[in-house]
Amino acid sequence: MQPVQDLTVEDRVSRTQYQYSLEDASADELSTWVPKLVAKLQVLPQLRDVATDQQNGGLLADLVVDRDTASRLGICPRL
């Protein structure tokens, strides 16, 4: 946790007095542990207005490349 200051090293801006960042290379791990951590922090009487800015409701698109057609058009997909 770090107090809000006029000069900050981080690039994230927050309206709160303290901010805690939880990071993981796996989005699935974050989706599992962030709600658990927030729930535990919310019951501590020393803290109030505990929240997360995690956004899991983004859109997802799957792209299927027709390699034969792409090749005929001179497109070389690199996967």
N, C-alpha and C. Protein backbone atom coordinates (compact mmCIF):
# COMPACT_ATOMS: atom_id res chain seq x y z
N MET A 1 0.85 -1.18 0.00
CA MET A 1 0.00 0.00 0.00
C MET A 1 0.88 1.23 0.00
N GLN A 2 0.40 2.25 -0.66
CA GLN A 2 1.16 3.48 -0.71
C GLN A 2 0.20 4.65 -0.57
N PRO A 3 0.59 5.68 0.18
CA PRO A 3 -0.28 6.86 0.30
C PRO A 3 -0.25 7.67 -0.99
N VAL A 4 -1.34 8.36 -1.25
CA VAL A 4 -1.41 9.22 -2.42
C VAL A 4 -0.52 10.43 -2.17
N GLN A 5 0.29 10.77 -3.16
CA GLN A 5 1.20 11.91 -3.04
C GLN A 5 1.09 12.76 -4.30
N ASP A 6 1.65 13.97 -4.22
CA ASP A 6 1.67 14.83 -5.41
C ASP A 6 2.59 14.26 -6.47
N LEU A 7 3.66 13.62 -6.05
CA LEU A 7 4.63 13.03 -6.96
C LEU A 7 4.50 11.51 -6.86
N THR A 8 4.27 10.86 -7.99
CA THR A 8 4.09 9.42 -7.98
C THR A 8 5.01 8.76 -9.00
N VAL A 9 5.47 7.57 -8.70
CA VAL A 9 6.32 6.81 -9.61
C VAL A 9 5.46 5.93 -10.51
N GLU A 10 4.34 5.49 -10.02
CA GLU A 10 3.45 4.63 -10.79
C GLU A 10 2.68 5.43 -11.82
N ASP A 11 2.18 4.76 -12.85
CA ASP A 11 1.41 5.44 -13.88
C ASP A 11 -0.09 5.34 -13.64
N ARG A 12 -0.50 4.66 -12.58
CA ARG A 12 -1.92 4.50 -12.29
C ARG A 12 -2.40 5.61 -11.38
N VAL A 13 -3.54 6.18 -11.70
CA VAL A 13 -4.13 7.25 -10.91
C VAL A 13 -5.29 6.66 -10.14
N SER A 14 -5.39 7.03 -8.88
CA SER A 14 -6.46 6.49 -8.04
C SER A 14 -7.07 7.61 -7.21
N ARG A 15 -8.37 7.49 -6.94
CA ARG A 15 -9.06 8.48 -6.09
C ARG A 15 -8.94 8.12 -4.62
N THR A 16 -8.30 7.03 -4.33
CA THR A 16 -8.25 6.56 -2.95
C THR A 16 -6.98 7.01 -2.25
N GLN A 17 -7.00 6.92 -0.93
CA GLN A 17 -5.83 7.29 -0.16
C GLN A 17 -4.74 6.23 -0.30
N TYR A 18 -5.15 4.96 -0.36
CA TYR A 18 -4.19 3.86 -0.50
C TYR A 18 -4.60 2.99 -1.67
N GLN A 19 -3.61 2.42 -2.29
CA GLN A 19 -3.86 1.55 -3.45
C GLN A 19 -2.94 0.35 -3.36
N TYR A 20 -3.49 -0.83 -3.66
CA TYR A 20 -2.71 -2.07 -3.66
C TYR A 20 -2.89 -2.72 -5.01
N SER A 21 -1.79 -3.09 -5.64
CA SER A 21 -1.86 -3.73 -6.96
C SER A 21 -1.50 -5.20 -6.84
N LEU A 22 -2.36 -6.02 -7.38
CA LEU A 22 -2.12 -7.46 -7.42
C LEU A 22 -1.90 -7.83 -8.88
N GLU A 23 -0.76 -8.44 -9.19
CA GLU A 23 -0.42 -8.77 -10.57
C GLU A 23 -0.11 -10.25 -10.70
N ASP A 24 -0.43 -10.79 -11.88
CA ASP A 24 -0.12 -12.18 -12.18
C ASP A 24 -0.06 -12.32 -13.70
N ALA A 25 0.78 -13.18 -14.17
CA ALA A 25 0.88 -13.43 -15.61
C ALA A 25 -0.35 -14.15 -16.14
N SER A 26 -1.07 -14.81 -15.25
CA SER A 26 -2.25 -15.57 -15.65
C SER A 26 -3.53 -14.80 -15.28
N ALA A 27 -4.34 -14.48 -16.28
CA ALA A 27 -5.62 -13.81 -16.04
C ALA A 27 -6.55 -14.70 -15.22
N ASP A 28 -6.47 -16.02 -15.43
CA ASP A 28 -7.32 -16.94 -14.68
C ASP A 28 -6.98 -16.90 -13.18
N GLU A 29 -5.69 -16.81 -12.86
CA GLU A 29 -5.28 -16.72 -11.46
C GLU A 29 -5.83 -15.44 -10.82
N LEU A 30 -5.73 -14.33 -11.54
CA LEU A 30 -6.26 -13.07 -11.01
C LEU A 30 -7.76 -13.16 -10.80
N SER A 31 -8.45 -13.74 -11.76
CA SER A 31 -9.91 -13.87 -11.63
C SER A 31 -10.30 -14.73 -10.44
N THR A 32 -9.43 -15.64 -10.05
CA THR A 32 -9.69 -16.50 -8.90
C THR A 32 -9.39 -15.79 -7.59
N TRP A 33 -8.25 -15.10 -7.52
CA TRP A 33 -7.77 -14.57 -6.24
C TRP A 33 -8.21 -13.16 -5.91
N VAL A 34 -8.46 -12.32 -6.90
CA VAL A 34 -8.87 -10.94 -6.61
C VAL A 34 -10.16 -10.89 -5.79
N PRO A 35 -11.22 -11.59 -6.18
CA PRO A 35 -12.44 -11.54 -5.36
C PRO A 35 -12.22 -12.05 -3.93
N LYS A 36 -11.37 -13.07 -3.78
CA LYS A 36 -11.09 -13.60 -2.44
C LYS A 36 -10.36 -12.57 -1.59
N LEU A 37 -9.37 -11.88 -2.19
CA LEU A 37 -8.63 -10.86 -1.45
C LEU A 37 -9.53 -9.69 -1.08
N VAL A 38 -10.34 -9.24 -2.02
CA VAL A 38 -11.24 -8.11 -1.76
C VAL A 38 -12.23 -8.48 -0.66
N ALA A 39 -12.77 -9.67 -0.68
CA ALA A 39 -13.72 -10.11 0.35
C ALA A 39 -13.08 -10.10 1.73
N LYS A 40 -11.84 -10.56 1.83
CA LYS A 40 -11.14 -10.58 3.12
C LYS A 40 -10.84 -9.16 3.60
N LEU A 41 -10.44 -8.28 2.68
CA LEU A 41 -10.13 -6.91 3.07
C LEU A 41 -11.39 -6.14 3.48
N GLN A 42 -12.52 -6.44 2.86
CA GLN A 42 -13.76 -5.73 3.17
C GLN A 42 -14.26 -5.98 4.59
N VAL A 43 -13.89 -7.10 5.20
CA VAL A 43 -14.37 -7.38 6.55
C VAL A 43 -13.45 -6.81 7.63
N LEU A 44 -12.31 -6.26 7.24
CA LEU A 44 -11.41 -5.66 8.22
C LEU A 44 -11.96 -4.31 8.66
N PRO A 45 -12.12 -4.11 9.97
CA PRO A 45 -12.69 -2.84 10.44
C PRO A 45 -11.77 -1.63 10.20
N GLN A 46 -10.49 -1.86 9.97
CA GLN A 46 -9.55 -0.77 9.73
C GLN A 46 -9.69 -0.18 8.33
N LEU A 47 -10.35 -0.92 7.44
CA LEU A 47 -10.47 -0.49 6.05
C LEU A 47 -11.93 -0.22 5.72
N ARG A 48 -12.14 0.70 4.80
CA ARG A 48 -13.50 0.96 4.31
C ARG A 48 -13.45 1.27 2.83
N ASP A 49 -14.56 1.08 2.17
CA ASP A 49 -14.68 1.32 0.73
C ASP A 49 -13.65 0.52 -0.08
N VAL A 50 -13.45 -0.74 0.29
CA VAL A 50 -12.53 -1.61 -0.45
C VAL A 50 -13.19 -1.99 -1.77
N ALA A 51 -12.46 -1.84 -2.86
CA ALA A 51 -13.01 -2.14 -4.18
C ALA A 51 -11.90 -2.61 -5.10
N THR A 52 -12.29 -3.08 -6.25
CA THR A 52 -11.34 -3.51 -7.27
C THR A 52 -11.68 -2.82 -8.59
N ASP A 53 -10.66 -2.61 -9.41
CA ASP A 53 -10.90 -2.05 -10.74
C ASP A 53 -10.72 -3.12 -11.82
N GLN A 54 -10.69 -4.38 -11.40
CA GLN A 54 -10.54 -5.47 -12.34
C GLN A 54 -11.78 -5.54 -13.23
N GLN A 55 -11.56 -5.65 -14.53
CA GLN A 55 -12.66 -5.69 -15.48
C GLN A 55 -12.59 -6.99 -16.27
N ASN A 56 -13.52 -7.90 -15.98
CA ASN A 56 -13.52 -9.21 -16.64
C ASN A 56 -14.58 -9.33 -17.71
N GLY A 57 -15.36 -8.29 -17.93
CA GLY A 57 -16.48 -8.38 -18.86
C GLY A 57 -16.17 -7.93 -20.27
N GLY A 58 -14.91 -7.96 -20.66
CA GLY A 58 -14.54 -7.51 -22.00
C GLY A 58 -15.04 -8.46 -23.08
N LEU A 59 -15.06 -7.94 -24.28
CA LEU A 59 -15.51 -8.74 -25.42
C LEU A 59 -14.37 -9.65 -25.89
N LEU A 60 -14.73 -10.74 -26.50
CA LEU A 60 -13.75 -11.71 -26.99
C LEU A 60 -14.11 -12.07 -28.43
N ALA A 61 -13.10 -12.11 -29.27
CA ALA A 61 -13.32 -12.50 -30.67
C ALA A 61 -12.31 -13.57 -31.04
N ASP A 62 -12.77 -14.61 -31.68
CA ASP A 62 -11.90 -15.66 -32.20
C ASP A 62 -11.76 -15.45 -33.70
N LEU A 63 -10.54 -15.52 -34.18
CA LEU A 63 -10.26 -15.32 -35.58
C LEU A 63 -9.76 -16.64 -36.18
N VAL A 64 -10.44 -17.11 -37.22
CA VAL A 64 -10.04 -18.32 -37.91
C VAL A 64 -9.57 -17.90 -39.29
N VAL A 65 -8.30 -18.18 -39.59
CA VAL A 65 -7.72 -17.79 -40.88
C VAL A 65 -7.85 -18.93 -41.87
N ASP A 66 -8.45 -18.64 -43.01
CA ASP A 66 -8.50 -19.60 -44.11
C ASP A 66 -7.16 -19.50 -44.82
N ARG A 67 -6.25 -20.38 -44.49
CA ARG A 67 -4.87 -20.28 -44.98
C ARG A 67 -4.77 -20.42 -46.50
N ASP A 68 -5.63 -21.23 -47.10
CA ASP A 68 -5.59 -21.38 -48.56
C ASP A 68 -5.94 -20.06 -49.25
N THR A 69 -7.02 -19.43 -48.80
CA THR A 69 -7.43 -18.15 -49.38
C THR A 69 -6.39 -17.07 -49.09
N ALA A 70 -5.88 -17.05 -47.87
CA ALA A 70 -4.87 -16.06 -47.51
C ALA A 70 -3.63 -16.22 -48.39
N SER A 71 -3.23 -17.45 -48.65
CA SER A 71 -2.07 -17.71 -49.49
C SER A 71 -2.30 -17.23 -50.92
N ARG A 72 -3.49 -17.47 -51.45
CA ARG A 72 -3.80 -17.00 -52.81
C ARG A 72 -3.77 -15.49 -52.91
N LEU A 73 -4.11 -14.81 -51.80
CA LEU A 73 -4.13 -13.34 -51.78
C LEU A 73 -2.77 -12.75 -51.41
N GLY A 74 -1.77 -13.63 -51.18
CA GLY A 74 -0.43 -13.15 -50.85
C GLY A 74 -0.26 -12.76 -49.40
N ILE A 75 -1.16 -13.23 -48.55
CA ILE A 75 -1.09 -12.92 -47.12
C ILE A 75 -0.46 -14.10 -46.40
N CYS A 76 0.57 -13.83 -45.62
CA CYS A 76 1.27 -14.89 -44.89
C CYS A 76 1.02 -14.70 -43.39
N PRO A 77 0.01 -15.37 -42.84
CA PRO A 77 -0.25 -15.21 -41.40
C PRO A 77 0.82 -15.89 -40.57
N ARG A 78 1.26 -15.22 -39.55
CA ARG A 78 2.25 -15.78 -38.63
C ARG A 78 1.59 -16.01 -37.29
N LEU A 79 1.48 -17.25 -36.91
CA LEU A 79 0.84 -17.61 -35.65
C LEU A 79 1.83 -18.30 -34.75
